[in-house]
Amino acid sequence: MNRVVLTGVGVVTGGLAGGRAPLEAFLASGRPAARLVDPAVLAGAGDEGEARRRSRVCRLTVAAARIALADAGFDPAGGLGLVLGTEFGDLTSTIAFVDGFLERGLHGLSPLLFPNTVMNTMAATAAIAVRARELSLTLNAPTVAGDLAIVRAAAAIRSGRAAAVLAGGVDEIDPLLGRVLGEMGAGGVGRGEGAGFVVLESATAARERGARPLGEILGAAWRALPARPYCVGRRAASRAIAAALEDAGVRAEAIGRVYTSASGDLARDRWEAALLDAALAPHRPPRESLAARVGRHAGVAALSVAAAALRGATGGPALVHAVARGGNHVAVVVQGS
């Protein structure tokens, strides 16, 4: 089995756009960030032609992907895969496409908007933009989409199916989405928007090209807990955390920090806390949710994994954990270099 190292990070979210240096400064500040991406960030992330051809969420994706590759000093010509997680896809384009039909019938259907109604449009656009010509996968799931993308990418590298993968997630805020979620009773969730990627490579490939890893994915797992669709379950025994620790060869008491997915959904946040309490007891390492600082979106997973690597060189490995209503949950053990 190949060891999996993290060699670069790229994040474009509210109050943060950049690679490892801006991320370290953001982590050290301890301050919350804006929930919306500054338009000036996207304005400087591509030429006028790209802005005209691509939807906003695709521009977020491409910008973060380019930053991550530059941060890693990685040339995609050597072979690169891409795994992307998203909760909502290009919802803005989808709404505009449907509105065109509702307002003007068949003549209102836009062939330019139609490709963006497909859930993998962001991954396809980014793969073309950064020349990622190997495996490509889009994962659509609430809360855990970005985390799931990273563990699936790590699994591909460990098994030898890929030597390097760009992995992360993206979501944007749409006004209609906010209203609908509020009507469904999910208005208290602290949503944000943005994209985040990490560059994962086999340790051998990274060493051969002289890369300086930020950290290593020691273990990862994804499982399902019994729960009704979009509901919180009762069980507090996490098979994902146990499997990730076993995969990493790490005991619970060795975990130095935990990055959670808490975001203001009080019932789900309490469930996650109970899962962590049961899995790590009696050990209680510090817990932090970066989603609480930038808002919840699929790109936060890359932010959390990179933070775990940057902060975990001396304090022991960190656990990155996320659980969704409905029972999907992901655990990643990360060791800093």
C-alpha atoms as a PDB file:
ATOM      1  CA  MET A   1       0.000   0.000   0.000  1.00  0.00           C
ATOM      2  CA  ASN A   2       1.305   3.447  -0.922  1.00  0.00           C
ATOM      3  CA  ARG A   3       1.705   6.150   1.705  1.00  0.00           C
ATOM      4  CA  VAL A   4      -0.342   9.286   0.922  1.00  0.00           C
ATOM      5  CA  VAL A   5       1.155  12.733   1.491  1.00  0.00           C
ATOM      6  CA  LEU A   6      -0.365  16.190   1.168  1.00  0.00           C
ATOM      7  CA  THR A   7       1.842  18.508  -0.882  1.00  0.00           C
ATOM      8  CA  GLY A   8      -0.341  21.554  -1.550  1.00  0.00           C
ATOM      9  CA  VAL A   9      -3.531  23.368  -0.616  1.00  0.00           C
ATOM     10  CA  GLY A  10      -5.685  25.962  -2.331  1.00  0.00           C
ATOM     11  CA  VAL A  11      -8.683  27.697  -0.765  1.00  0.00           C
ATOM     12  CA  VAL A  12     -11.022  30.403  -2.040  1.00  0.00           C
ATOM     13  CA  THR A  13     -13.637  31.239   0.561  1.00  0.00           C
ATOM     14  CA  GLY A  14     -14.883  34.241   2.500  1.00  0.00           C
ATOM     15  CA  GLY A  15     -11.894  36.139   3.924  1.00  0.00           C
ATOM     16  CA  LEU A  16      -9.323  33.612   2.683  1.00  0.00           C
ATOM     17  CA  ALA A  17      -7.837  33.003  -0.743  1.00  0.00           C
ATOM     18  CA  GLY A  18      -4.492  31.291  -1.162  1.00  0.00           C
ATOM     19  CA  GLY A  19      -2.251  28.379  -0.267  1.00  0.00           C
ATOM     20  CA  ARG A  20      -0.360  27.338   2.830  1.00  0.00           C
ATOM     21  CA  ALA A  21       0.972  30.785   3.904  1.00  0.00           C
ATOM     22  CA  PRO A  22      -2.409  32.601   3.863  1.00  0.00           C
ATOM     23  CA  LEU A  23      -3.990  29.569   5.519  1.00  0.00           C
ATOM     24  CA  GLU A  24      -1.454  29.611   8.353  1.00  0.00           C
ATOM     25  CA  ALA A  25      -2.119  33.325   8.878  1.00  0.00           C
ATOM     26  CA  PHE A  26      -5.876  32.721   8.900  1.00  0.00           C
ATOM     27  CA  LEU A  27      -5.571  29.895  11.436  1.00  0.00           C
ATOM     28  CA  ALA A  28      -3.370  32.010  13.696  1.00  0.00           C
ATOM     29  CA  SER A  29      -5.797  34.949  13.611  1.00  0.00           C
ATOM     30  CA  GLY A  30      -8.651  32.994  15.199  1.00  0.00           C
ATOM     31  CA  ARG A  31     -11.115  35.408  13.628  1.00  0.00           C
ATOM     32  CA  PRO A  32     -14.325  34.497  11.804  1.00  0.00           C
ATOM     33  CA  ALA A  33     -14.449  35.320   8.099  1.00  0.00           C
ATOM     34  CA  ALA A  34     -17.053  36.660   5.715  1.00  0.00           C
ATOM     35  CA  ARG A  35     -19.498  34.065   4.399  1.00  0.00           C
ATOM     36  CA  LEU A  36     -19.374  35.316   0.790  1.00  0.00           C
ATOM     37  CA  VAL A  37     -16.380  35.343  -1.540  1.00  0.00           C
ATOM     38  CA  ASP A  38     -15.174  38.834  -2.420  1.00  0.00           C
ATOM     39  CA  PRO A  39     -15.958  39.488  -6.125  1.00  0.00           C
ATOM     40  CA  ALA A  40     -12.494  41.017  -6.503  1.00  0.00           C
ATOM     41  CA  VAL A  41     -10.930  37.628  -5.759  1.00  0.00           C
ATOM     42  CA  LEU A  42     -12.701  35.992  -8.681  1.00  0.00           C
ATOM     43  CA  ALA A  43     -12.118  39.017 -10.903  1.00  0.00           C
ATOM     44  CA  GLY A  44      -8.377  38.447 -10.581  1.00  0.00           C
ATOM     45  CA  ALA A  45      -8.529  34.662 -10.877  1.00  0.00           C
ATOM     46  CA  GLY A  46      -8.910  34.382 -14.666  1.00  0.00           C
ATOM     47  CA  ASP A  47      -9.149  36.342 -17.892  1.00  0.00           C
ATOM     48  CA  GLU A  48     -12.261  37.960 -19.320  1.00  0.00           C
ATOM     49  CA  GLY A  49     -12.934  35.005 -21.609  1.00  0.00           C
ATOM     50  CA  GLU A  50     -12.992  32.566 -18.694  1.00  0.00           C
ATOM     51  CA  ALA A  51     -15.329  34.825 -16.745  1.00  0.00           C
ATOM     52  CA  ARG A  52     -17.713  34.963 -19.697  1.00  0.00           C
ATOM     53  CA  ARG A  53     -17.712  31.219 -20.393  1.00  0.00           C
ATOM     54  CA  ARG A  54     -17.832  29.839 -16.853  1.00  0.00           C
ATOM     55  CA  SER A  55     -20.446  30.044 -14.146  1.00  0.00           C
ATOM     56  CA  ARG A  56     -19.473  31.526 -10.804  1.00  0.00           C
ATOM     57  CA  VAL A  57     -19.214  28.203  -8.974  1.00  0.00           C
ATOM     58  CA  CYS A  58     -16.990  26.837 -11.763  1.00  0.00           C
ATOM     59  CA  ARG A  59     -14.757  29.901 -11.451  1.00  0.00           C
ATOM     60  CA  LEU A  60     -14.478  29.272  -7.704  1.00  0.00           C
ATOM     61  CA  THR A  61     -13.480  25.672  -8.424  1.00  0.00           C
ATOM     62  CA  VAL A  62     -10.852  26.528 -11.029  1.00  0.00           C
ATOM     63  CA  ALA A  63      -9.351  29.285  -8.893  1.00  0.00           C
ATOM     64  CA  ALA A  64      -8.871  27.013  -5.866  1.00  0.00           C
ATOM     65  CA  ALA A  65      -7.540  24.174  -8.028  1.00  0.00           C
ATOM     66  CA  ARG A  66      -4.904  26.405  -9.617  1.00  0.00           C
ATOM     67  CA  ILE A  67      -3.824  27.746  -6.243  1.00  0.00           C
ATOM     68  CA  ALA A  68      -3.433  24.217  -4.843  1.00  0.00           C
ATOM     69  CA  LEU A  69      -1.307  23.045  -7.771  1.00  0.00           C
ATOM     70  CA  ALA A  70       0.889  26.144  -7.588  1.00  0.00           C
ATOM     71  CA  ASP A  71       1.256  25.653  -3.826  1.00  0.00           C
ATOM     72  CA  ALA A  72       2.390  22.074  -4.434  1.00  0.00           C
ATOM     73  CA  GLY A  73       4.634  23.021  -7.342  1.00  0.00           C
ATOM     74  CA  PHE A  74       2.925  20.220  -9.248  1.00  0.00           C
ATOM     75  CA  ASP A  75       2.957  19.828 -13.038  1.00  0.00           C
ATOM     76  CA  PRO A  76      -0.211  17.992 -14.153  1.00  0.00           C
ATOM     77  CA  ALA A  77       1.595  16.742 -17.251  1.00  0.00           C
ATOM     78  CA  GLY A  78       2.936  13.926 -15.095  1.00  0.00           C
ATOM     79  CA  GLY A  79      -0.601  12.631 -14.475  1.00  0.00           C
ATOM     80  CA  LEU A  80      -3.296  14.035 -12.208  1.00  0.00           C
ATOM     81  CA  GLY A  81      -6.745  12.871 -11.118  1.00  0.00           C
ATOM     82  CA  LEU A  82      -9.538  14.996  -9.660  1.00  0.00           C
ATOM     83  CA  VAL A  83     -12.161  14.097  -7.043  1.00  0.00           C
ATOM     84  CA  LEU A  84     -14.698  16.783  -6.138  1.00  0.00           C
ATOM     85  CA  GLY A  85     -17.457  16.883  -3.528  1.00  0.00           C
ATOM     86  CA  THR A  86     -20.445  19.225  -3.590  1.00  0.00           C
ATOM     87  CA  GLU A  87     -23.765  19.534  -1.790  1.00  0.00           C
ATOM     88  CA  PHE A  88     -25.664  21.565  -4.363  1.00  0.00           C
ATOM     89  CA  GLY A  89     -23.687  21.695  -7.612  1.00  0.00           C
ATOM     90  CA  ASP A  90     -24.231  24.645  -9.945  1.00  0.00           C
ATOM     91  CA  LEU A  91     -27.619  25.469  -8.491  1.00  0.00           C
ATOM     92  CA  THR A  92     -27.645  29.057  -9.774  1.00  0.00           C
ATOM     93  CA  SER A  93     -27.316  27.921 -13.396  1.00  0.00           C
ATOM     94  CA  THR A  94     -29.875  25.167 -12.858  1.00  0.00           C
ATOM     95  CA  ILE A  95     -32.432  27.633 -11.499  1.00  0.00           C
ATOM     96  CA  ALA A  96     -31.797  30.018 -14.411  1.00  0.00           C
ATOM     97  CA  PHE A  97     -32.229  27.152 -16.901  1.00  0.00           C
ATOM     98  CA  VAL A  98     -35.543  26.067 -15.376  1.00  0.00           C
ATOM     99  CA  ASP A  99     -36.780  29.662 -15.094  1.00  0.00           C
ATOM    100  CA  GLY A 100     -36.128  30.132 -18.800  1.00  0.00           C
ATOM    101  CA  PHE A 101     -38.427  27.208 -19.596  1.00  0.00           C
ATOM    102  CA  LEU A 102     -41.118  28.311 -17.143  1.00  0.00           C
ATOM    103  CA  GLU A 103     -41.131  31.844 -18.530  1.00  0.00           C
ATOM    104  CA  ARG A 104     -40.822  31.197 -22.303  1.00  0.00           C
ATOM    105  CA  GLY A 105     -41.284  27.475 -22.864  1.00  0.00           C
ATOM    106  CA  LEU A 106     -38.947  25.584 -25.189  1.00  0.00           C
ATOM    107  CA  HIS A 107     -37.618  28.835 -26.653  1.00  0.00           C
ATOM    108  CA  GLY A 108     -36.431  29.801 -23.174  1.00  0.00           C
ATOM    109  CA  LEU A 109     -34.149  26.781 -22.781  1.00  0.00           C
ATOM    110  CA  SER A 110     -30.523  27.874 -22.952  1.00  0.00           C
ATOM    111  CA  PRO A 111     -28.004  25.478 -24.553  1.00  0.00           C
ATOM    112  CA  LEU A 112     -25.241  27.449 -22.823  1.00  0.00           C
ATOM    113  CA  LEU A 113     -26.751  26.861 -19.386  1.00  0.00           C
ATOM    114  CA  PHE A 114     -27.699  23.223 -19.892  1.00  0.00           C
ATOM    115  CA  PRO A 115     -24.195  21.731 -19.301  1.00  0.00           C
ATOM    116  CA  ASN A 116     -24.100  23.469 -15.924  1.00  0.00           C
ATOM    117  CA  THR A 117     -27.230  21.641 -14.738  1.00  0.00           C
ATOM    118  CA  VAL A 118     -25.173  18.435 -14.529  1.00  0.00           C
ATOM    119  CA  MET A 119     -23.675  17.791 -11.090  1.00  0.00           C
ATOM    120  CA  ASN A 120     -20.156  17.140 -12.382  1.00  0.00           C
ATOM    121  CA  THR A 121     -19.858  20.390 -14.338  1.00  0.00           C
ATOM    122  CA  MET A 122     -17.415  21.906 -11.809  1.00  0.00           C
ATOM    123  CA  ALA A 123     -15.110  18.869 -11.900  1.00  0.00           C
ATOM    124  CA  ALA A 124     -15.215  18.753 -15.696  1.00  0.00           C
ATOM    125  CA  THR A 125     -14.450  22.462 -16.014  1.00  0.00           C
ATOM    126  CA  ALA A 126     -11.597  22.290 -13.507  1.00  0.00           C
ATOM    127  CA  ALA A 127     -10.135  19.135 -15.068  1.00  0.00           C
ATOM    128  CA  ILE A 128      -9.942  20.876 -18.440  1.00  0.00           C
ATOM    129  CA  ALA A 129      -8.540  24.087 -16.939  1.00  0.00           C
ATOM    130  CA  VAL A 130      -5.718  22.417 -14.993  1.00  0.00           C
ATOM    131  CA  ARG A 131      -5.168  19.461 -17.386  1.00  0.00           C
ATOM    132  CA  ALA A 132      -6.170  16.751 -14.911  1.00  0.00           C
ATOM    133  CA  ARG A 133      -6.447  13.864 -17.374  1.00  0.00           C
ATOM    134  CA  GLU A 134      -6.609  10.847 -15.082  1.00  0.00           C
ATOM    135  CA  LEU A 135      -9.556   9.648 -12.975  1.00  0.00           C
ATOM    136  CA  SER A 136     -12.385  12.121 -12.390  1.00  0.00           C
ATOM    137  CA  LEU A 137     -15.147  11.671  -9.820  1.00  0.00           C
ATOM    138  CA  THR A 138     -17.893  13.913  -8.436  1.00  0.00           C
ATOM    139  CA  LEU A 139     -19.548  13.097  -5.114  1.00  0.00           C
ATOM    140  CA  ASN A 140     -22.857  14.646  -4.100  1.00  0.00           C
ATOM    141  CA  ALA A 141     -23.742  14.384  -0.400  1.00  0.00           C
ATOM    142  CA  PRO A 142     -24.883  16.699   2.393  1.00  0.00           C
ATOM    143  CA  THR A 143     -22.243  17.926   4.867  1.00  0.00           C
ATOM    144  CA  VAL A 144     -19.578  15.283   4.114  1.00  0.00           C
ATOM    145  CA  ALA A 145     -19.114  15.726   0.342  1.00  0.00           C
ATOM    146  CA  GLY A 146     -15.692  17.381   0.512  1.00  0.00           C
ATOM    147  CA  ASP A 147     -14.410  15.035   3.218  1.00  0.00           C
ATOM    148  CA  LEU A 148     -15.611  12.036   1.236  1.00  0.00           C
ATOM    149  CA  ALA A 149     -13.805  13.329  -1.866  1.00  0.00           C
ATOM    150  CA  ILE A 150     -10.523  13.491   0.046  1.00  0.00           C
ATOM    151  CA  VAL A 151     -10.757   9.988   1.516  1.00  0.00           C
ATOM    152  CA  ARG A 152     -11.758   8.520  -1.859  1.00  0.00           C
ATOM    153  CA  ALA A 153      -8.779  10.242  -3.472  1.00  0.00           C
ATOM    154  CA  ALA A 154      -6.476   8.930  -0.740  1.00  0.00           C
ATOM    155  CA  ALA A 155      -7.836   5.415  -1.293  1.00  0.00           C
ATOM    156  CA  ALA A 156      -7.072   5.669  -5.016  1.00  0.00           C
ATOM    157  CA  ILE A 157      -3.467   6.622  -4.299  1.00  0.00           C
ATOM    158  CA  ARG A 158      -2.975   3.975  -1.620  1.00  0.00           C
ATOM    159  CA  SER A 159      -4.232   1.266  -3.949  1.00  0.00           C
ATOM    160  CA  GLY A 160      -1.994   2.389  -6.798  1.00  0.00           C
ATOM    161  CA  ARG A 161      -4.843   3.492  -9.072  1.00  0.00           C
ATOM    162  CA  ALA A 162      -3.463   7.036  -9.114  1.00  0.00           C
ATOM    163  CA  ALA A 163      -0.142   8.694  -8.278  1.00  0.00           C
ATOM    164  CA  ALA A 164      -1.559  12.180  -7.654  1.00  0.00           C
ATOM    165  CA  VAL A 165      -5.086  13.519  -7.137  1.00  0.00           C
ATOM    166  CA  LEU A 166      -6.535  16.984  -6.645  1.00  0.00           C
ATOM    167  CA  ALA A 167      -9.270  16.492  -4.035  1.00  0.00           C
ATOM    168  CA  GLY A 168     -11.731  18.794  -2.303  1.00  0.00           C
ATOM    169  CA  GLY A 169     -15.089  20.465  -2.682  1.00  0.00           C
ATOM    170  CA  VAL A 170     -17.077  23.523  -3.696  1.00  0.00           C
ATOM    171  CA  ASP A 171     -20.444  25.173  -3.047  1.00  0.00           C
ATOM    172  CA  GLU A 172     -21.881  28.639  -3.537  1.00  0.00           C
ATOM    173  CA  ILE A 173     -24.683  30.477  -1.773  1.00  0.00           C
ATOM    174  CA  ASP A 174     -27.812  31.076  -3.822  1.00  0.00           C
ATOM    175  CA  PRO A 175     -30.586  33.333  -2.434  1.00  0.00           C
ATOM    176  CA  LEU A 176     -33.314  30.830  -3.348  1.00  0.00           C
ATOM    177  CA  LEU A 177     -31.413  28.050  -1.600  1.00  0.00           C
ATOM    178  CA  GLY A 178     -31.306  30.085   1.590  1.00  0.00           C
ATOM    179  CA  ARG A 179     -35.045  30.716   1.510  1.00  0.00           C
ATOM    180  CA  VAL A 180     -35.940  27.087   0.797  1.00  0.00           C
ATOM    181  CA  LEU A 181     -33.655  25.738   3.518  1.00  0.00           C
ATOM    182  CA  GLY A 182     -35.175  28.209   5.952  1.00  0.00           C
ATOM    183  CA  GLU A 183     -38.675  27.010   5.100  1.00  0.00           C
ATOM    184  CA  MET A 184     -37.481  23.421   5.694  1.00  0.00           C
ATOM    185  CA  GLY A 185     -36.254  24.327   9.161  1.00  0.00           C
ATOM    186  CA  ALA A 186     -32.541  24.398   8.335  1.00  0.00           C
ATOM    187  CA  GLY A 187     -32.194  28.163   8.463  1.00  0.00           C
ATOM    188  CA  GLY A 188     -29.993  28.045  11.565  1.00  0.00           C
ATOM    189  CA  VAL A 189     -27.153  26.291   9.744  1.00  0.00           C
ATOM    190  CA  GLY A 190     -24.250  28.682   9.245  1.00  0.00           C
ATOM    191  CA  ARG A 191     -23.739  28.345   5.505  1.00  0.00           C
ATOM    192  CA  GLY A 192     -20.903  29.853   3.554  1.00  0.00           C
ATOM    193  CA  GLU A 193     -19.451  29.433   0.105  1.00  0.00           C
ATOM    194  CA  GLY A 194     -16.142  28.660  -1.494  1.00  0.00           C
ATOM    195  CA  ALA A 195     -13.857  26.004  -2.894  1.00  0.00           C
ATOM    196  CA  GLY A 196     -10.969  24.123  -1.342  1.00  0.00           C
ATOM    197  CA  PHE A 197      -8.528  21.529  -2.680  1.00  0.00           C
ATOM    198  CA  VAL A 198      -5.559  19.569  -1.435  1.00  0.00           C
ATOM    199  CA  VAL A 199      -2.971  17.910  -3.664  1.00  0.00           C
ATOM    200  CA  LEU A 200      -2.474  14.306  -2.565  1.00  0.00           C
ATOM    201  CA  GLU A 201       0.412  12.214  -3.893  1.00  0.00           C
ATOM    202  CA  SER A 202       2.062   8.918  -3.180  1.00  0.00           C
ATOM    203  CA  ALA A 203       5.044   9.478  -0.901  1.00  0.00           C
ATOM    204  CA  THR A 204       7.308   7.913  -3.516  1.00  0.00           C
ATOM    205  CA  ALA A 205       6.135  10.222  -6.313  1.00  0.00           C
ATOM    206  CA  ALA A 206       6.419  13.290  -4.091  1.00  0.00           C
ATOM    207  CA  ARG A 207       9.946  12.347  -3.026  1.00  0.00           C
ATOM    208  CA  GLU A 208      11.055  11.711  -6.602  1.00  0.00           C
ATOM    209  CA  ARG A 209      10.029  15.204  -7.693  1.00  0.00           C
ATOM    210  CA  GLY A 210      11.527  16.840  -4.590  1.00  0.00           C
ATOM    211  CA  ALA A 211       8.244  18.023  -3.095  1.00  0.00           C
ATOM    212  CA  ARG A 212       8.008  19.207   0.518  1.00  0.00           C
ATOM    213  CA  PRO A 213       4.885  17.604   2.021  1.00  0.00           C
ATOM    214  CA  LEU A 214       2.744  19.467   4.520  1.00  0.00           C
ATOM    215  CA  GLY A 215       1.662  16.203   6.098  1.00  0.00           C
ATOM    216  CA  GLU A 216       0.493  12.646   5.590  1.00  0.00           C
ATOM    217  CA  ILE A 217      -2.904  10.942   5.517  1.00  0.00           C
ATOM    218  CA  LEU A 218      -2.263   8.149   8.011  1.00  0.00           C
ATOM    219  CA  GLY A 219      -5.718   6.603   7.895  1.00  0.00           C
ATOM    220  CA  ALA A 220      -9.194   7.280   6.553  1.00  0.00           C
ATOM    221  CA  ALA A 221     -12.606   5.648   6.562  1.00  0.00           C
ATOM    222  CA  TRP A 222     -16.204   6.331   5.578  1.00  0.00           C
ATOM    223  CA  ARG A 223     -19.192   4.503   6.988  1.00  0.00           C
ATOM    224  CA  ALA A 224     -22.940   4.893   7.557  1.00  0.00           C
ATOM    225  CA  LEU A 225     -24.833   5.152  10.842  1.00  0.00           C
ATOM    226  CA  PRO A 226     -28.489   4.142  11.183  1.00  0.00           C
ATOM    227  CA  ALA A 227     -30.676   7.227  10.759  1.00  0.00           C
ATOM    228  CA  ARG A 228     -33.737   8.168   8.764  1.00  0.00           C
ATOM    229  CA  PRO A 229     -33.150  10.322   5.671  1.00  0.00           C
ATOM    230  CA  TYR A 230     -32.030  13.801   6.740  1.00  0.00           C
ATOM    231  CA  CYS A 231     -32.533  12.921  10.393  1.00  0.00           C
ATOM    232  CA  VAL A 232     -30.192  12.549  13.355  1.00  0.00           C
ATOM    233  CA  GLY A 233     -29.565   9.023  14.613  1.00  0.00           C
ATOM    234  CA  ARG A 234     -29.458   7.731  18.165  1.00  0.00           C
ATOM    235  CA  ARG A 235     -26.337   5.589  17.992  1.00  0.00           C
ATOM    236  CA  ALA A 236     -23.112   7.130  19.333  1.00  0.00           C
ATOM    237  CA  ALA A 237     -20.696   4.373  18.322  1.00  0.00           C
ATOM    238  CA  SER A 238     -18.680   5.512  15.321  1.00  0.00           C
ATOM    239  CA  ARG A 239     -17.326   2.744  13.121  1.00  0.00           C
ATOM    240  CA  ALA A 240     -15.673   5.343  10.879  1.00  0.00           C
ATOM    241  CA  ILE A 241     -13.508   6.791  13.649  1.00  0.00           C
ATOM    242  CA  ALA A 242     -12.543   3.330  14.890  1.00  0.00           C
ATOM    243  CA  ALA A 243     -11.664   2.207  11.356  1.00  0.00           C
ATOM    244  CA  ALA A 244      -9.640   5.347  10.603  1.00  0.00           C
ATOM    245  CA  LEU A 245      -7.638   4.985  13.836  1.00  0.00           C
ATOM    246  CA  GLU A 246      -6.996   1.317  13.123  1.00  0.00           C
ATOM    247  CA  ASP A 247      -5.985   2.127   9.548  1.00  0.00           C
ATOM    248  CA  ALA A 248      -3.540   4.734  10.844  1.00  0.00           C
ATOM    249  CA  GLY A 249      -2.160   2.487  13.583  1.00  0.00           C
ATOM    250  CA  VAL A 250      -2.947   5.243  16.097  1.00  0.00           C
ATOM    251  CA  ARG A 251      -4.568   4.936  19.509  1.00  0.00           C
ATOM    252  CA  ALA A 252      -7.336   7.356  20.480  1.00  0.00           C
ATOM    253  CA  GLU A 253      -5.235   8.948  23.229  1.00  0.00           C
ATOM    254  CA  ALA A 254      -2.579   9.942  20.670  1.00  0.00           C
ATOM    255  CA  ILE A 255      -4.939  12.332  18.838  1.00  0.00           C
ATOM    256  CA  GLY A 256      -3.793  15.885  19.501  1.00  0.00           C
ATOM    257  CA  ARG A 257      -6.648  17.861  17.937  1.00  0.00           C
ATOM    258  CA  VAL A 258     -10.030  17.245  16.331  1.00  0.00           C
ATOM    259  CA  TYR A 259     -11.547  19.199  13.442  1.00  0.00           C
ATOM    260  CA  THR A 260     -15.317  18.765  13.445  1.00  0.00           C
ATOM    261  CA  SER A 261     -18.108  19.637  11.022  1.00  0.00           C
ATOM    262  CA  ALA A 262     -20.161  21.628  13.562  1.00  0.00           C
ATOM    263  CA  SER A 263     -21.947  24.495  11.824  1.00  0.00           C
ATOM    264  CA  GLY A 264     -24.977  25.546  13.869  1.00  0.00           C
ATOM    265  CA  ASP A 265     -27.287  22.608  13.163  1.00  0.00           C
ATOM    266  CA  LEU A 266     -27.730  21.996  16.872  1.00  0.00           C
ATOM    267  CA  ALA A 267     -29.166  18.470  16.756  1.00  0.00           C
ATOM    268  CA  ARG A 268     -26.548  17.269  14.273  1.00  0.00           C
ATOM    269  CA  ASP A 269     -23.750  19.048  16.142  1.00  0.00           C
ATOM    270  CA  ARG A 270     -24.779  17.338  19.402  1.00  0.00           C
ATOM    271  CA  TRP A 271     -24.804  13.987  17.606  1.00  0.00           C
ATOM    272  CA  GLU A 272     -21.285  14.568  16.309  1.00  0.00           C
ATOM    273  CA  ALA A 273     -20.087  15.554  19.776  1.00  0.00           C
ATOM    274  CA  ALA A 274     -21.532  12.328  21.194  1.00  0.00           C
ATOM    275  CA  LEU A 275     -19.803  10.275  18.485  1.00  0.00           C
ATOM    276  CA  LEU A 276     -16.453  11.886  19.284  1.00  0.00           C
ATOM    277  CA  ASP A 277     -16.951  11.525  23.043  1.00  0.00           C
ATOM    278  CA  ALA A 278     -17.628   7.816  22.701  1.00  0.00           C
ATOM    279  CA  ALA A 279     -14.808   7.145  20.235  1.00  0.00           C
ATOM    280  CA  LEU A 280     -12.051   9.034  22.069  1.00  0.00           C
ATOM    281  CA  ALA A 281     -13.097   8.650  25.734  1.00  0.00           C
ATOM    282  CA  PRO A 282     -11.711   9.338  28.206  1.00  0.00           C
ATOM    283  CA  HIS A 283      -9.342  11.406  26.050  1.00  0.00           C
ATOM    284  CA  ARG A 284     -10.685  14.871  25.143  1.00  0.00           C
ATOM    285  CA  PRO A 285      -8.355  16.650  22.727  1.00  0.00           C
ATOM    286  CA  PRO A 286      -9.213  20.232  21.675  1.00  0.00           C
ATOM    287  CA  ARG A 287     -11.979  20.468  19.094  1.00  0.00           C
ATOM    288  CA  GLU A 288     -12.429  23.099  16.436  1.00  0.00           C
ATOM    289  CA  SER A 289     -14.805  23.632  13.537  1.00  0.00           C
ATOM    290  CA  LEU A 290     -13.497  25.740  10.670  1.00  0.00           C
ATOM    291  CA  ALA A 291     -17.013  25.647   9.225  1.00  0.00           C
ATOM    292  CA  ALA A 292     -17.993  27.797  12.194  1.00  0.00           C
ATOM    293  CA  ARG A 293     -15.511  30.439  10.968  1.00  0.00           C
ATOM    294  CA  VAL A 294     -16.119  30.473   7.206  1.00  0.00           C
ATOM    295  CA  GLY A 295     -19.567  28.898   6.967  1.00  0.00           C
ATOM    296  CA  ARG A 296     -20.415  25.378   5.931  1.00  0.00           C
ATOM    297  CA  HIS A 297     -19.620  24.357   2.376  1.00  0.00           C
ATOM    298  CA  ALA A 298     -17.897  21.395   0.740  1.00  0.00           C
ATOM    299  CA  GLY A 299     -14.591  23.252   0.415  1.00  0.00           C
ATOM    300  CA  VAL A 300     -14.124  23.350   4.200  1.00  0.00           C
ATOM    301  CA  ALA A 301     -12.923  19.718   4.161  1.00  0.00           C
ATOM    302  CA  ALA A 302      -9.702  20.670   2.363  1.00  0.00           C
ATOM    303  CA  LEU A 303      -9.285  23.594   4.749  1.00  0.00           C
ATOM    304  CA  SER A 304      -9.592  21.253   7.759  1.00  0.00           C
ATOM    305  CA  VAL A 305      -7.255  18.562   6.399  1.00  0.00           C
ATOM    306  CA  ALA A 306      -4.609  21.146   5.506  1.00  0.00           C
ATOM    307  CA  ALA A 307      -4.989  22.804   8.915  1.00  0.00           C
ATOM    308  CA  ALA A 308      -4.536  19.424  10.588  1.00  0.00           C
ATOM    309  CA  ALA A 309      -1.298  18.937   8.650  1.00  0.00           C
ATOM    310  CA  LEU A 310       0.041  22.440   9.287  1.00  0.00           C
ATOM    311  CA  ARG A 311      -0.678  22.339  13.021  1.00  0.00           C
ATOM    312  CA  GLY A 312       0.040  18.681  13.693  1.00  0.00           C
ATOM    313  CA  ALA A 313       3.820  18.388  13.368  1.00  0.00           C
ATOM    314  CA  THR A 314       4.489  18.427  17.120  1.00  0.00           C
ATOM    315  CA  GLY A 315       1.143  17.842  18.825  1.00  0.00           C
ATOM    316  CA  GLY A 316       0.463  14.373  17.495  1.00  0.00           C
ATOM    317  CA  PRO A 317      -1.865  13.415  14.644  1.00  0.00           C
ATOM    318  CA  ALA A 318      -5.182  15.191  14.206  1.00  0.00           C
ATOM    319  CA  LEU A 319      -8.596  13.747  13.471  1.00  0.00           C
ATOM    320  CA  VAL A 320     -10.796  15.383  10.834  1.00  0.00           C
ATOM    321  CA  HIS A 321     -14.405  14.256  11.256  1.00  0.00           C
ATOM    322  CA  ALA A 322     -17.717  14.990   9.581  1.00  0.00           C
ATOM    323  CA  VAL A 323     -21.178  13.471   9.921  1.00  0.00           C
ATOM    324  CA  ALA A 324     -24.324  14.223   7.958  1.00  0.00           C
ATOM    325  CA  ARG A 325     -27.998  13.956   8.781  1.00  0.00           C
ATOM    326  CA  GLY A 326     -28.949  10.557   7.439  1.00  0.00           C
ATOM    327  CA  GLY A 327     -25.844   8.878   8.844  1.00  0.00           C
ATOM    328  CA  ASN A 328     -22.992   9.311   6.349  1.00  0.00           C
ATOM    329  CA  HIS A 329     -19.793  10.046   8.225  1.00  0.00           C
ATOM    330  CA  VAL A 330     -16.097  10.338   7.433  1.00  0.00           C
ATOM    331  CA  ALA A 331     -12.941  10.244   9.565  1.00  0.00           C
ATOM    332  CA  VAL A 332      -9.389  11.124   8.494  1.00  0.00           C
ATOM    333  CA  VAL A 333      -6.221  10.878  10.595  1.00  0.00           C
ATOM    334  CA  VAL A 334      -3.628  13.441   9.510  1.00  0.00           C
ATOM    335  CA  GLN A 335      -0.019  13.821  10.675  1.00  0.00           C
ATOM    336  CA  GLY A 336       1.939  17.005  10.033  1.00  0.00           C
ATOM    337  CA  SER A 337       5.422  16.873   8.562  1.00  0.00           C
END
